[in-house]
Protein backbone atom coordinates (compact mmCIF):
# COMPACT_ATOMS: atom_id res chain seq x y z
CA MET A 1 70.36 129.98 -222.98
CA THR A 2 67.92 127.47 -221.54
CA SER A 3 64.25 127.84 -222.44
CA THR A 4 61.08 126.01 -221.45
CA TYR A 5 58.12 125.33 -223.69
CA VAL A 6 54.86 124.08 -222.20
CA TYR A 7 52.64 122.18 -224.61
CA ARG A 8 48.96 122.09 -223.63
CA LEU A 9 46.16 120.25 -225.37
CA ILE A 10 42.66 120.11 -223.91
CA LYS A 11 39.81 119.08 -226.20
CA SER A 12 37.90 116.77 -223.88
CA SER A 13 37.45 116.12 -220.18
CA TRP A 14 41.20 115.58 -219.90
CA GLY A 15 44.24 117.08 -221.55
CA ILE A 16 47.94 116.75 -222.15
CA ARG A 17 50.52 119.06 -220.58
CA ILE A 18 54.20 118.51 -221.31
CA ALA A 19 56.99 120.90 -220.33
CA ILE A 20 60.34 120.64 -222.11
CA THR A 21 63.35 122.58 -220.87
CA ALA A 22 66.30 122.61 -223.25
CA ARG A 23 69.12 124.68 -224.66
CA VAL A 24 71.16 124.82 -227.84
CA GLU A 25 74.94 124.56 -227.79
CA GLN A 26 77.46 124.93 -230.57
CA ARG A 27 80.19 122.32 -230.11
CA VAL A 28 83.04 120.64 -231.91
CA THR A 29 82.80 117.36 -229.97
CA VAL A 30 79.33 115.91 -229.53
CA GLU A 31 77.67 112.96 -227.88
CA GLY A 32 74.09 111.88 -228.13
CA VAL A 33 71.70 111.10 -230.94
CA ARG A 34 72.30 112.48 -234.43
CA ILE A 35 68.97 113.79 -235.64
CA SER A 36 69.56 113.55 -239.37
CA PRO A 37 72.37 112.20 -241.54
CA ARG A 38 72.19 115.36 -243.69
CA GLU A 39 72.29 117.99 -240.96
CA ASP A 40 74.83 118.34 -238.16
CA LEU A 41 72.14 118.48 -235.47
CA TRP A 42 72.36 116.36 -232.33
CA LEU A 43 70.16 115.69 -229.32
CA GLU A 44 71.47 115.01 -225.85
CA PHE A 45 69.40 113.95 -222.86
CA ARG A 46 71.04 115.45 -219.79
CA SER A 47 70.23 113.67 -216.50
CA LEU A 48 67.19 111.95 -218.00
CA SER A 49 68.11 108.32 -217.51
CA MET A 50 64.55 107.58 -216.40
CA LEU A 51 63.17 108.29 -219.87
CA ALA A 52 62.14 105.16 -221.74
CA GLU A 53 63.57 104.60 -225.22
CA SER A 54 60.10 105.14 -226.69
CA GLU A 55 59.97 108.56 -225.02
CA LYS A 56 63.41 109.48 -226.36
CA ASP A 57 62.33 108.33 -229.82
CA ALA A 58 59.24 110.55 -229.62
CA VAL A 59 61.40 113.57 -228.77
CA VAL A 60 63.75 112.75 -231.66
CA LYS A 61 60.76 112.57 -234.04
CA GLY A 62 59.65 116.09 -233.15
CA LEU A 63 63.11 117.57 -233.68
CA ARG A 64 63.79 115.53 -236.81
CA TYR A 65 60.66 116.97 -238.41
CA VAL A 66 62.25 120.44 -238.54
CA SER A 67 65.95 119.50 -238.73
CA HIS A 68 66.31 120.73 -242.31
CA GLU A 69 64.72 124.07 -241.46
CA ILE A 70 67.02 124.44 -238.45
CA ALA A 71 70.07 123.72 -240.64
CA GLU A 72 68.93 126.36 -243.13
CA LYS A 73 68.66 128.92 -240.30
CA VAL A 74 72.03 128.23 -238.66
CA GLY A 75 74.19 127.22 -241.62
CA SER A 76 76.90 124.60 -241.25
CA GLN A 77 77.29 124.87 -237.48
CA THR A 78 77.31 121.72 -235.37
CA LEU A 79 74.47 122.14 -232.89
CA VAL A 80 73.46 120.07 -229.91
CA VAL A 81 70.01 120.42 -228.38
CA VAL A 82 70.46 119.53 -224.72
CA ILE A 83 67.26 118.39 -223.02
CA GLU A 84 67.52 119.40 -219.37
CA SER A 85 64.09 118.22 -218.23
CA ILE A 86 60.78 116.89 -219.41
CA SER A 87 57.78 116.87 -217.12
CA TYR A 88 54.23 115.65 -217.50
CA VAL A 89 51.40 114.17 -215.48
CA GLU A 90 51.52 110.43 -216.06
CA SER A 91 47.76 109.96 -215.76
CA ASP A 92 47.19 112.44 -218.63
CA PHE A 93 50.12 111.48 -220.84
CA GLN A 94 50.29 110.32 -224.43
CA LEU A 95 53.60 109.46 -226.03
CA GLU A 96 52.70 111.23 -229.28
CA GLY A 97 52.41 114.49 -227.36
CA LEU A 98 56.17 114.45 -226.70
CA SER A 99 56.87 114.72 -230.42
CA VAL A 100 54.58 117.72 -230.78
CA ALA A 101 56.02 119.34 -227.65
CA MET A 102 59.56 119.01 -229.02
CA LEU A 103 58.47 120.36 -232.40
CA ARG A 104 56.87 123.39 -230.73
CA TRP A 105 59.98 124.01 -228.59
CA ALA A 106 62.13 124.01 -231.76
CA GLU A 107 59.75 126.33 -233.61
CA VAL A 108 60.04 128.90 -230.82
CA GLU A 109 63.77 128.42 -230.17
CA PHE A 110 64.82 128.74 -233.82
CA GLY A 111 62.10 131.15 -234.97
CA LEU A 112 60.56 128.66 -237.39
CA GLN A 113 57.12 128.79 -238.95
CA VAL A 114 54.42 126.97 -237.00
CA HIS A 115 53.67 123.58 -238.51
CA GLU A 116 50.09 122.45 -238.46
CA VAL A 117 49.67 119.21 -236.56
CA VAL A 118 45.98 118.31 -236.49
CA GLU A 119 44.99 117.32 -232.96
CA THR A 120 41.63 115.68 -232.44
CA PHE A 121 40.11 113.70 -229.62
CA SER A 122 38.62 110.25 -230.19
CA ARG A 123 35.87 109.57 -227.67
CA GLU A 124 35.79 105.91 -228.72
CA SER A 125 39.41 105.29 -227.77
CA ASN A 126 39.65 108.10 -225.18
CA ARG A 127 42.87 109.25 -226.85
CA TYR A 128 44.14 112.19 -228.82
CA ILE A 129 44.91 111.61 -232.48
CA PHE A 130 47.81 113.53 -234.05
CA GLU A 131 48.02 113.96 -237.82
CA TRP A 132 51.35 115.34 -239.03
CA PRO A 133 51.59 117.22 -242.32
CA ARG A 134 53.59 115.54 -245.07
């Protein structure tokens, strides 16, 4: 089943809004990016050829952060997370927000605990700063 998660962050005069629509499939044959060498979790970007490699890497980072927890939830199944669409306003976009948006999608989709990512706004650089837990 396809689900959409909308990540919103507004702590200044501007904010970040990223919508990720994706689904999880159990497959025998997979294509795409393997998220972790230890878990059989894959990521596939469906019809998203316009995404830059840095954007794809940011999405991978968010899913990789919880890959072990996902594997614990689903057992030894081979799973593919299929990204159907990603949308954001380019003028209010920060690459790091994609990682958090993907993490949040996975938390909801797999019923995982919420991971604290500290999000602050730096007025000096006019950017959001994201601090991931270790």
